[in-house]
Amino acid sequence: MQDKITLVVRFRISEFAKEEFTAKLRDVFTHIVKEETFVEASLVQDMRDLESILNYEVWNESPESFMKNQMSKAYRADFEKMIVDLKIDRTPAWYSTIAEWKKA
């Protein structure tokens, strides 16, 4: 049975870089949504700190298999380069589900 993980990545982005960041991330997700182990994702903006954005992703993988299978994809290269070039601070964290609730 495959693992289910939630990857939450906090980005600190200056206002001048936000448009380029969002555009490149949308491009990456045109590919990600086709990945077999991808479940869902969302990008959320901190309402009190406009430089803080969270990317929330759910995958049917382990952290190790995600890093091996997903981060090596060619379509991620431009996005990874942009993060370095624009000096965007990125803090990833892995979570496992301990309980779930869904609307009835």
PDB file of N, CA and C in Angstrom:
ATOM      1  N   MET A   1       0.832  -1.185   0.000  1.00  0.00           N
ATOM      2  CA  MET A   1       0.000   0.000   0.000  1.00  0.00           C
ATOM      3  C   MET A   1       0.874   1.246   0.000  1.00  0.00           C
ATOM      4  N   GLN A   2       0.528   2.185  -0.851  1.00  0.00           N
ATOM      5  CA  GLN A   2       1.304   3.414  -0.935  1.00  0.00           C
ATOM      6  C   GLN A   2       1.011   4.331   0.244  1.00  0.00           C
ATOM      7  N   ASP A   3       1.989   5.142   0.574  1.00  0.00           N
ATOM      8  CA  ASP A   3       1.822   6.131   1.625  1.00  0.00           C
ATOM      9  C   ASP A   3       1.024   7.321   1.104  1.00  0.00           C
ATOM     10  N   LYS A   4       0.368   8.011   2.013  1.00  0.00           N
ATOM     11  CA  LYS A   4      -0.304   9.268   1.678  1.00  0.00           C
ATOM     12  C   LYS A   4       0.380  10.350   2.487  1.00  0.00           C
ATOM     13  N   ILE A   5       0.897  11.348   1.803  1.00  0.00           N
ATOM     14  CA  ILE A   5       1.592  12.433   2.480  1.00  0.00           C
ATOM     15  C   ILE A   5       0.975  13.771   2.098  1.00  0.00           C
ATOM     16  N   THR A   6       1.152  14.719   2.983  1.00  0.00           N
ATOM     17  CA  THR A   6       0.800  16.103   2.693  1.00  0.00           C
ATOM     18  C   THR A   6       2.091  16.895   2.772  1.00  0.00           C
ATOM     19  N   LEU A   7       2.367  17.601   1.718  1.00  0.00           N
ATOM     20  CA  LEU A   7       3.539  18.466   1.645  1.00  0.00           C
ATOM     21  C   LEU A   7       3.040  19.900   1.735  1.00  0.00           C
ATOM     22  N   VAL A   8       3.509  20.624   2.734  1.00  0.00           N
ATOM     23  CA  VAL A   8       3.165  22.035   2.880  1.00  0.00           C
ATOM     24  C   VAL A   8       4.461  22.813   2.736  1.00  0.00           C
ATOM     25  N   VAL A   9       4.472  23.723   1.777  1.00  0.00           N
ATOM     26  CA  VAL A   9       5.663  24.527   1.535  1.00  0.00           C
ATOM     27  C   VAL A   9       5.308  25.989   1.768  1.00  0.00           C
ATOM     28  N   ARG A  10       6.036  26.611   2.691  1.00  0.00           N
ATOM     29  CA  ARG A  10       5.844  28.037   2.959  1.00  0.00           C
ATOM     30  C   ARG A  10       6.865  28.803   2.148  1.00  0.00           C
ATOM     31  N   PHE A  11       6.379  29.739   1.354  1.00  0.00           N
ATOM     32  CA  PHE A  11       7.240  30.610   0.561  1.00  0.00           C
ATOM     33  C   PHE A  11       7.163  32.022   1.115  1.00  0.00           C
ATOM     34  N   ARG A  12       8.314  32.683   1.211  1.00  0.00           N
ATOM     35  CA  ARG A  12       8.379  34.111   1.527  1.00  0.00           C
ATOM     36  C   ARG A  12       8.758  34.797   0.230  1.00  0.00           C
ATOM     37  N   ILE A  13       7.841  35.624  -0.284  1.00  0.00           N
ATOM     38  CA  ILE A  13       8.009  36.194  -1.619  1.00  0.00           C
ATOM     39  C   ILE A  13       7.760  37.691  -1.561  1.00  0.00           C
ATOM     40  N   SER A  14       8.688  38.453  -2.112  1.00  0.00           N
ATOM     41  CA  SER A  14       8.480  39.901  -2.196  1.00  0.00           C
ATOM     42  C   SER A  14       7.374  40.182  -3.204  1.00  0.00           C
ATOM     43  N   GLU A  15       6.740  41.306  -3.048  1.00  0.00           N
ATOM     44  CA  GLU A  15       5.636  41.684  -3.942  1.00  0.00           C
ATOM     45  C   GLU A  15       6.065  41.693  -5.413  1.00  0.00           C
ATOM     46  N   PHE A  16       7.280  42.141  -5.706  1.00  0.00           N
ATOM     47  CA  PHE A  16       7.719  42.223  -7.100  1.00  0.00           C
ATOM     48  C   PHE A  16       7.883  40.850  -7.743  1.00  0.00           C
ATOM     49  N   ALA A  17       8.084  39.802  -6.951  1.00  0.00           N
ATOM     50  CA  ALA A  17       8.308  38.458  -7.491  1.00  0.00           C
ATOM     51  C   ALA A  17       7.042  37.608  -7.529  1.00  0.00           C
ATOM     52  N   LYS A  18       5.979  38.055  -6.873  1.00  0.00           N
ATOM     53  CA  LYS A  18       4.791  37.220  -6.700  1.00  0.00           C
ATOM     54  C   LYS A  18       4.121  36.839  -8.016  1.00  0.00           C
ATOM     55  N   GLU A  19       4.029  37.749  -8.942  1.00  0.00           N
ATOM     56  CA  GLU A  19       3.364  37.458 -10.220  1.00  0.00           C
ATOM     57  C   GLU A  19       4.125  36.393 -11.010  1.00  0.00           C
ATOM     58  N   GLU A  20       5.448  36.535 -11.090  1.00  0.00           N
ATOM     59  CA  GLU A  20       6.258  35.542 -11.807  1.00  0.00           C
ATOM     60  C   GLU A  20       6.194  34.182 -11.113  1.00  0.00           C
ATOM     61  N   PHE A  21       6.282  34.191  -9.789  1.00  0.00           N
ATOM     62  CA  PHE A  21       6.192  32.963  -9.006  1.00  0.00           C
ATOM     63  C   PHE A  21       4.882  32.230  -9.290  1.00  0.00           C
ATOM     64  N   THR A  22       3.779  32.951  -9.201  1.00  0.00           N
ATOM     65  CA  THR A  22       2.462  32.340  -9.397  1.00  0.00           C
ATOM     66  C   THR A  22       2.308  31.803 -10.817  1.00  0.00           C
ATOM     67  N   ALA A  23       2.767  32.549 -11.796  1.00  0.00           N
ATOM     68  CA  ALA A  23       2.678  32.106 -13.190  1.00  0.00           C
ATOM     69  C   ALA A  23       3.479  30.822 -13.412  1.00  0.00           C
ATOM     70  N   LYS A  24       4.700  30.772 -12.878  1.00  0.00           N
ATOM     71  CA  LYS A  24       5.529  29.574 -13.057  1.00  0.00           C
ATOM     72  C   LYS A  24       4.936  28.381 -12.305  1.00  0.00           C
ATOM     73  N   LEU A  25       4.377  28.631 -11.123  1.00  0.00           N
ATOM     74  CA  LEU A  25       3.774  27.535 -10.376  1.00  0.00           C
ATOM     75  C   LEU A  25       2.549  26.988 -11.106  1.00  0.00           C
ATOM     76  N   ARG A  26       1.757  27.865 -11.707  1.00  0.00           N
ATOM     77  CA  ARG A  26       0.614  27.400 -12.512  1.00  0.00           C
ATOM     78  C   ARG A  26       1.092  26.520 -13.662  1.00  0.00           C
ATOM     79  N   ASP A  27       2.183  26.918 -14.314  1.00  0.00           N
ATOM     80  CA  ASP A  27       2.754  26.109 -15.403  1.00  0.00           C
ATOM     81  C   ASP A  27       3.158  24.725 -14.899  1.00  0.00           C
ATOM     82  N   VAL A  28       3.828  24.679 -13.756  1.00  0.00           N
ATOM     83  CA  VAL A  28       4.256  23.402 -13.181  1.00  0.00           C
ATOM     84  C   VAL A  28       3.038  22.525 -12.891  1.00  0.00           C
ATOM     85  N   PHE A  29       1.968  23.124 -12.363  1.00  0.00           N
ATOM     86  CA  PHE A  29       0.798  22.325 -12.005  1.00  0.00           C
ATOM     87  C   PHE A  29       0.016  21.829 -13.223  1.00  0.00           C
ATOM     88  N   THR A  30       0.230  22.388 -14.397  1.00  0.00           N
ATOM     89  CA  THR A  30      -0.397  21.799 -15.583  1.00  0.00           C
ATOM     90  C   THR A  30       0.149  20.395 -15.817  1.00  0.00           C
ATOM     91  N   HIS A  31       1.373  20.147 -15.356  1.00  0.00           N
ATOM     92  CA  HIS A  31       1.992  18.820 -15.448  1.00  0.00           C
ATOM     93  C   HIS A  31       1.697  17.970 -14.212  1.00  0.00           C
ATOM     94  N   ILE A  32       1.799  18.586 -13.042  1.00  0.00           N
ATOM     95  CA  ILE A  32       1.615  17.848 -11.792  1.00  0.00           C
ATOM     96  C   ILE A  32       0.254  17.166 -11.740  1.00  0.00           C
ATOM     97  N   VAL A  33      -0.793  17.848 -12.169  1.00  0.00           N
ATOM     98  CA  VAL A  33      -2.145  17.274 -12.069  1.00  0.00           C
ATOM     99  C   VAL A  33      -2.287  15.986 -12.877  1.00  0.00           C
ATOM    100  N   LYS A  34      -1.353  15.722 -13.785  1.00  0.00           N
ATOM    101  CA  LYS A  34      -1.381  14.508 -14.591  1.00  0.00           C
ATOM    102  C   LYS A  34      -0.588  13.360 -13.958  1.00  0.00           C
ATOM    103  N   GLU A  35       0.123  13.649 -12.879  1.00  0.00           N
ATOM    104  CA  GLU A  35       0.934  12.619 -12.219  1.00  0.00           C
ATOM    105  C   GLU A  35       0.021  11.601 -11.536  1.00  0.00           C
ATOM    106  N   GLU A  36       0.353  10.336 -11.673  1.00  0.00           N
ATOM    107  CA  GLU A  36      -0.480   9.253 -11.145  1.00  0.00           C
ATOM    108  C   GLU A  36      -0.675   9.327  -9.632  1.00  0.00           C
ATOM    109  N   THR A  37       0.348   9.753  -8.904  1.00  0.00           N
ATOM    110  CA  THR A  37       0.267   9.753  -7.444  1.00  0.00           C
ATOM    111  C   THR A  37      -0.235  11.077  -6.853  1.00  0.00           C
ATOM    112  N   PHE A  38      -0.517  12.059  -7.695  1.00  0.00           N
ATOM    113  CA  PHE A  38      -1.028  13.348  -7.233  1.00  0.00           C
ATOM    114  C   PHE A  38      -2.485  13.215  -6.808  1.00  0.00           C
ATOM    115  N   VAL A  39      -2.850  13.830  -5.675  1.00  0.00           N
ATOM    116  CA  VAL A  39      -4.220  13.789  -5.177  1.00  0.00           C
ATOM    117  C   VAL A  39      -4.875  15.164  -5.304  1.00  0.00           C
ATOM    118  N   GLU A  40      -4.284  16.180  -4.673  1.00  0.00           N
ATOM    119  CA  GLU A  40      -4.856  17.526  -4.715  1.00  0.00           C
ATOM    120  C   GLU A  40      -3.828  18.538  -4.263  1.00  0.00           C
ATOM    121  N   ALA A  41      -4.115  19.811  -4.542  1.00  0.00           N
ATOM    122  CA  ALA A  41      -3.233  20.888  -4.108  1.00  0.00           C
ATOM    123  C   ALA A  41      -3.997  22.194  -4.048  1.00  0.00           C
ATOM    124  N   SER A  42      -3.460  23.111  -3.265  1.00  0.00           N
ATOM    125  CA  SER A  42      -3.991  24.467  -3.251  1.00  0.00           C
ATOM    126  C   SER A  42      -2.869  25.425  -2.865  1.00  0.00           C
ATOM    127  N   LEU A  43      -3.014  26.648  -3.306  1.00  0.00           N
ATOM    128  CA  LEU A  43      -2.071  27.712  -3.003  1.00  0.00           C
ATOM    129  C   LEU A  43      -2.849  28.763  -2.229  1.00  0.00           C
ATOM    130  N   VAL A  44      -2.372  29.110  -1.035  1.00  0.00           N
ATOM    131  CA  VAL A  44      -3.101  30.053  -0.194  1.00  0.00           C
ATOM    132  C   VAL A  44      -2.203  31.206   0.229  1.00  0.00           C
ATOM    133  N   GLN A  45      -2.825  32.362   0.341  1.00  0.00           N
ATOM    134  CA  GLN A  45      -2.147  33.602   0.706  1.00  0.00           C
ATOM    135  C   GLN A  45      -2.467  33.938   2.159  1.00  0.00           C
ATOM    136  N   ASP A  46      -1.455  34.257   2.945  1.00  0.00           N
ATOM    137  CA  ASP A  46      -1.674  34.736   4.309  1.00  0.00           C
ATOM    138  C   ASP A  46      -2.354  36.102   4.205  1.00  0.00           C
ATOM    139  N   MET A  47      -3.487  36.246   4.859  1.00  0.00           N
ATOM    140  CA  MET A  47      -4.273  37.480   4.746  1.00  0.00           C
ATOM    141  C   MET A  47      -3.644  38.640   5.530  1.00  0.00           C
ATOM    142  N   ARG A  48      -2.759  38.337   6.474  1.00  0.00           N
ATOM    143  CA  ARG A  48      -2.126  39.394   7.261  1.00  0.00           C
ATOM    144  C   ARG A  48      -0.669  39.634   6.875  1.00  0.00           C
ATOM    145  N   ASP A  49      -0.086  38.696   6.160  1.00  0.00           N
ATOM    146  CA  ASP A  49       1.314  38.807   5.751  1.00  0.00           C
ATOM    147  C   ASP A  49       1.380  38.496   4.254  1.00  0.00           C
ATOM    148  N   LEU A  50       1.321  39.529   3.444  1.00  0.00           N
ATOM    149  CA  LEU A  50       1.210  39.345   1.995  1.00  0.00           C
ATOM    150  C   LEU A  50       2.455  38.751   1.347  1.00  0.00           C
ATOM    151  N   GLU A  51       3.538  38.639   2.095  1.00  0.00           N
ATOM    152  CA  GLU A  51       4.737  37.985   1.555  1.00  0.00           C
ATOM    153  C   GLU A  51       4.779  36.494   1.872  1.00  0.00           C
ATOM    154  N   SER A  52       3.766  35.988   2.573  1.00  0.00           N
ATOM    155  CA  SER A  52       3.726  34.580   2.953  1.00  0.00           C
ATOM    156  C   SER A  52       2.658  33.833   2.161  1.00  0.00           C
ATOM    157  N   ILE A  53       3.099  32.812   1.444  1.00  0.00           N
ATOM    158  CA  ILE A  53       2.207  31.971   0.641  1.00  0.00           C
ATOM    159  C   ILE A  53       2.492  30.518   1.013  1.00  0.00           C
ATOM    160  N   LEU A  54       1.422  29.735   1.143  1.00  0.00           N
ATOM    161  CA  LEU A  54       1.562  28.301   1.410  1.00  0.00           C
ATOM    162  C   LEU A  54       1.070  27.508   0.219  1.00  0.00           C
ATOM    163  N   ASN A  55       1.849  26.516  -0.173  1.00  0.00           N
ATOM    164  CA  ASN A  55       1.434  25.559  -1.179  1.00  0.00           C
ATOM    165  C   ASN A  55       1.174  24.247  -0.441  1.00  0.00           C
ATOM    166  N   TYR A  56      -0.044  23.725  -0.588  1.00  0.00           N
ATOM    167  CA  TYR A  56      -0.495  22.528   0.119  1.00  0.00           C
ATOM    168  C   TYR A  56      -0.736  21.453  -0.928  1.00  0.00           C
ATOM    169  N   GLU A  57      -0.024  20.318  -0.819  1.00  0.00           N
ATOM    170  CA  GLU A  57      -0.150  19.238  -1.792  1.00  0.00           C
ATOM    171  C   GLU A  57      -0.368  17.911  -1.075  1.00  0.00           C
ATOM    172  N   VAL A  58      -1.229  17.069  -1.632  1.00  0.00           N
ATOM    173  CA  VAL A  58      -1.438  15.718  -1.114  1.00  0.00           C
ATOM    174  C   VAL A  58      -1.019  14.737  -2.211  1.00  0.00           C
ATOM    175  N   TRP A  59      -0.236  13.754  -1.808  1.00  0.00           N
ATOM    176  CA  TRP A  59       0.302  12.760  -2.729  1.00  0.00           C
ATOM    177  C   TRP A  59       0.156  11.367  -2.143  1.00  0.00           C
ATOM    178  N   ASN A  60      -0.011  10.393  -3.002  1.00  0.00           N
ATOM    179  CA  ASN A  60       0.027   8.985  -2.609  1.00  0.00           C
ATOM    180  C   ASN A  60       1.450   8.479  -2.821  1.00  0.00           C
ATOM    181  N   GLU A  61       2.335   8.984  -1.984  1.00  0.00           N
ATOM    182  CA  GLU A  61       3.756   8.627  -2.025  1.00  0.00           C
ATOM    183  C   GLU A  61       4.323   8.805  -0.628  1.00  0.00           C
ATOM    184  N   SER A  62       5.525   8.335  -0.433  1.00  0.00           N
ATOM    185  CA  SER A  62       6.282   8.637   0.779  1.00  0.00           C
ATOM    186  C   SER A  62       7.136   9.875   0.487  1.00  0.00           C
ATOM    187  N   PRO A  63       7.645  10.542   1.509  1.00  0.00           N
ATOM    188  CA  PRO A  63       8.547  11.669   1.230  1.00  0.00           C
ATOM    189  C   PRO A  63       9.745  11.259   0.374  1.00  0.00           C
ATOM    190  N   GLU A  64      10.279  10.076   0.640  1.00  0.00           N
ATOM    191  CA  GLU A  64      11.442   9.608  -0.118  1.00  0.00           C
ATOM    192  C   GLU A  64      11.099   9.357  -1.592  1.00  0.00           C
ATOM    193  N   SER A  65       9.971   8.701  -1.837  1.00  0.00           N
ATOM    194  CA  SER A  65       9.603   8.441  -3.234  1.00  0.00           C
ATOM    195  C   SER A  65       9.215   9.732  -3.946  1.00  0.00           C
ATOM    196  N   PHE A  66       8.609  10.664  -3.223  1.00  0.00           N
ATOM    197  CA  PHE A  66       8.282  11.961  -3.821  1.00  0.00           C
ATOM    198  C   PHE A  66       9.555  12.660  -4.286  1.00  0.00           C
ATOM    199  N   MET A  67      10.543  12.727  -3.418  1.00  0.00           N
ATOM    200  CA  MET A  67      11.794  13.406  -3.781  1.00  0.00           C
ATOM    201  C   MET A  67      12.456  12.715  -4.972  1.00  0.00           C
ATOM    202  N   LYS A  68      12.428  11.398  -4.997  1.00  0.00           N
ATOM    203  CA  LYS A  68      13.044  10.650  -6.084  1.00  0.00           C
ATOM    204  C   LYS A  68      12.232  10.756  -7.382  1.00  0.00           C
ATOM    205  N   ASN A  69      10.916  10.555  -7.294  1.00  0.00           N
ATOM    206  CA  ASN A  69      10.074  10.465  -8.487  1.00  0.00           C
ATOM    207  C   ASN A  69       9.557  11.806  -9.003  1.00  0.00           C
ATOM    208  N   GLN A  70       9.317  12.742  -8.128  1.00  0.00           N
ATOM    209  CA  GLN A  70       8.682  13.994  -8.548  1.00  0.00           C
ATOM    210  C   GLN A  70       9.658  15.153  -8.728  1.00  0.00           C
ATOM    211  N   MET A  71      10.579  15.311  -7.815  1.00  0.00           N
ATOM    212  CA  MET A  71      11.472  16.474  -7.887  1.00  0.00           C
ATOM    213  C   MET A  71      12.470  16.378  -9.033  1.00  0.00           C
ATOM    214  N   SER A  72      12.617  15.211  -9.611  1.00  0.00           N
ATOM    215  CA  SER A  72      13.542  15.036 -10.731  1.00  0.00           C
ATOM    216  C   SER A  72      12.884  15.300 -12.087  1.00  0.00           C
ATOM    217  N   LYS A  73      11.600  15.624 -12.108  1.00  0.00           N
ATOM    218  CA  LYS A  73      10.892  15.847 -13.376  1.00  0.00           C
ATOM    219  C   LYS A  73      11.441  17.085 -14.076  1.00  0.00           C
ATOM    220  N   ALA A  74      11.621  16.986 -15.387  1.00  0.00           N
ATOM    221  CA  ALA A  74      12.182  18.093 -16.176  1.00  0.00           C
ATOM    222  C   ALA A  74      11.311  19.343 -16.109  1.00  0.00           C
ATOM    223  N   TYR A  75       9.994  19.180 -16.008  1.00  0.00           N
ATOM    224  CA  TYR A  75       9.118  20.351 -16.005  1.00  0.00           C
ATOM    225  C   TYR A  75       9.272  21.207 -14.745  1.00  0.00           C
ATOM    226  N   ARG A  76       9.956  20.703 -13.738  1.00  0.00           N
ATOM    227  CA  ARG A  76      10.179  21.475 -12.510  1.00  0.00           C
ATOM    228  C   ARG A  76      11.416  22.379 -12.586  1.00  0.00           C
ATOM    229  N   ALA A  77      12.272  22.172 -13.554  1.00  0.00           N
ATOM    230  CA  ALA A  77      13.565  22.864 -13.605  1.00  0.00           C
ATOM    231  C   ALA A  77      13.437  24.388 -13.628  1.00  0.00           C
ATOM    232  N   ASP A  78      12.569  24.935 -14.470  1.00  0.00           N
ATOM    233  CA  ASP A  78      12.416  26.390 -14.551  1.00  0.00           C
ATOM    234  C   ASP A  78      11.916  26.979 -13.235  1.00  0.00           C
ATOM    235  N   PHE A  79      10.994  26.278 -12.595  1.00  0.00           N
ATOM    236  CA  PHE A  79      10.459  26.746 -11.319  1.00  0.00           C
ATOM    237  C   PHE A  79      11.562  26.748 -10.255  1.00  0.00           C
ATOM    238  N   GLU A  80      12.347  25.684 -10.186  1.00  0.00           N
ATOM    239  CA  GLU A  80      13.430  25.597  -9.211  1.00  0.00           C
ATOM    240  C   GLU A  80      14.477  26.680  -9.449  1.00  0.00           C
ATOM    241  N   LYS A  81      14.782  26.953 -10.706  1.00  0.00           N
ATOM    242  CA  LYS A  81      15.740  28.008 -11.043  1.00  0.00           C
ATOM    243  C   LYS A  81      15.208  29.373 -10.627  1.00  0.00           C
ATOM    244  N   MET A  82      13.914  29.626 -10.854  1.00  0.00           N
ATOM    245  CA  MET A  82      13.307  30.901 -10.494  1.00  0.00           C
ATOM    246  C   MET A  82      13.407  31.133  -8.988  1.00  0.00           C
ATOM    247  N   ILE A  83      13.191  30.094  -8.198  1.00  0.00           N
ATOM    248  CA  ILE A  83      13.265  30.235  -6.734  1.00  0.00           C
ATOM    249  C   ILE A  83      14.658  30.715  -6.322  1.00  0.00           C
ATOM    250  N   VAL A  84      15.670  30.163  -6.932  1.00  0.00           N
ATOM    251  CA  VAL A  84      17.046  30.575  -6.632  1.00  0.00           C
ATOM    252  C   VAL A  84      17.297  31.991  -7.152  1.00  0.00           C
ATOM    253  N   ASP A  85      16.945  32.246  -8.408  1.00  0.00           N
ATOM    254  CA  ASP A  85      17.213  33.541  -9.027  1.00  0.00           C
ATOM    255  C   ASP A  85      16.538  34.696  -8.297  1.00  0.00           C
ATOM    256  N   LEU A  86      15.308  34.487  -7.839  1.00  0.00           N
ATOM    257  CA  LEU A  86      14.559  35.558  -7.162  1.00  0.00           C
ATOM    258  C   LEU A  86      14.763  35.547  -5.646  1.00  0.00           C
ATOM    259  N   LYS A  87      15.627  34.645  -5.173  1.00  0.00           N
ATOM    260  CA  LYS A  87      15.947  34.548  -3.741  1.00  0.00           C
ATOM    261  C   LYS A  87      14.681  34.378  -2.889  1.00  0.00           C
ATOM    262  N   ILE A  88      13.820  33.476  -3.347  1.00  0.00           N
ATOM    263  CA  ILE A  88      12.585  33.177  -2.617  1.00  0.00           C
ATOM    264  C   ILE A  88      12.914  32.173  -1.519  1.00  0.00           C
ATOM    265  N   ASP A  89      12.495  32.493  -0.307  1.00  0.00           N
ATOM    266  CA  ASP A  89      12.708  31.603   0.830  1.00  0.00           C
ATOM    267  C   ASP A  89      11.639  30.517   0.815  1.00  0.00           C
ATOM    268  N   ARG A  90      12.064  29.259   0.920  1.00  0.00           N
ATOM    269  CA  ARG A  90      11.142  28.126   0.864  1.00  0.00           C
ATOM    270  C   ARG A  90      11.376  27.215   2.062  1.00  0.00           C
ATOM    271  N   THR A  91      10.289  26.916   2.782  1.00  0.00           N
ATOM    272  CA  THR A  91      10.372  26.022   3.929  1.00  0.00           C
ATOM    273  C   THR A  91       9.367  24.892   3.755  1.00  0.00           C
ATOM    274  N   PRO A  92       9.823  23.700   3.358  1.00  0.00           N
ATOM    275  CA  PRO A  92       8.910  22.564   3.192  1.00  0.00           C
ATOM    276  C   PRO A  92       8.728  21.792   4.497  1.00  0.00           C
ATOM    277  N   ALA A  93       7.568  21.160   4.631  1.00  0.00           N
ATOM    278  CA  ALA A  93       7.291  20.286   5.773  1.00  0.00           C
ATOM    279  C   ALA A  93       6.403  19.145   5.300  1.00  0.00           C
ATOM    280  N   TRP A  94       6.711  17.938   5.783  1.00  0.00           N
ATOM    281  CA  TRP A  94       5.937  16.746   5.455  1.00  0.00           C
ATOM    282  C   TRP A  94       4.984  16.435   6.593  1.00  0.00           C
ATOM    283  N   TYR A  95       3.749  16.067   6.250  1.00  0.00           N
ATOM    284  CA  TYR A  95       2.749  15.702   7.243  1.00  0.00           C
ATOM    285  C   TYR A  95       2.106  14.376   6.852  1.00  0.00           C
ATOM    286  N   SER A  96       1.715  13.623   7.865  1.00  0.00           N
ATOM    287  CA  SER A  96       0.922  12.419   7.628  1.00  0.00           C
ATOM    288  C   SER A  96      -0.457  12.649   8.240  1.00  0.00           C
ATOM    289  N   THR A  97      -1.458  12.054   7.632  1.00  0.00           N
ATOM    290  CA  THR A  97      -2.841  12.241   8.081  1.00  0.00           C
ATOM    291  C   THR A  97      -3.090  11.413   9.325  1.00  0.00           C
ATOM    292  N   ILE A  98      -3.668  12.061  10.355  1.00  0.00           N
ATOM    293  CA  ILE A  98      -4.038  11.325  11.557  1.00  0.00           C
ATOM    294  C   ILE A  98      -5.560  11.305  11.751  1.00  0.00           C
ATOM    295  N   ALA A  99      -6.262  12.180  11.039  1.00  0.00           N
ATOM    296  CA  ALA A  99      -7.737  12.168  11.055  1.00  0.00           C
ATOM    297  C   ALA A  99      -8.209  12.990   9.866  1.00  0.00           C
ATOM    298  N   GLU A 100      -9.394  12.659   9.361  1.00  0.00           N
ATOM    299  CA  GLU A 100      -9.982  13.389   8.236  1.00  0.00           C
ATOM    300  C   GLU A 100     -11.463  13.635   8.489  1.00  0.00           C
ATOM    301  N   TRP A 101     -11.940  14.756   8.012  1.00  0.00           N
ATOM    302  CA  TRP A 101     -13.356  15.083   8.041  1.00  0.00           C
ATOM    303  C   TRP A 101     -13.745  15.604   6.675  1.00  0.00           C
ATOM    304  N   LYS A 102     -14.900  15.212   6.224  1.00  0.00           N
ATOM    305  CA  LYS A 102     -15.417  15.690   4.938  1.00  0.00           C
ATOM    306  C   LYS A 102     -16.869  16.105   5.120  1.00  0.00           C
ATOM    307  N   LYS A 103     -17.280  17.043   4.319  1.00  0.00           N
ATOM    308  CA  LYS A 103     -18.657  17.497   4.380  1.00  0.00           C
ATOM    309  C   LYS A 103     -19.597  16.333   4.032  1.00  0.00           C
ATOM    310  N   ALA A 104     -20.618  16.171   4.811  1.00  0.00           N
ATOM    311  CA  ALA A 104     -21.561  15.060   4.596  1.00  0.00           C
ATOM    312  C   ALA A 104     -22.432  15.299   3.384  1.00  0.00           C
TER     313      ALA A 104
END
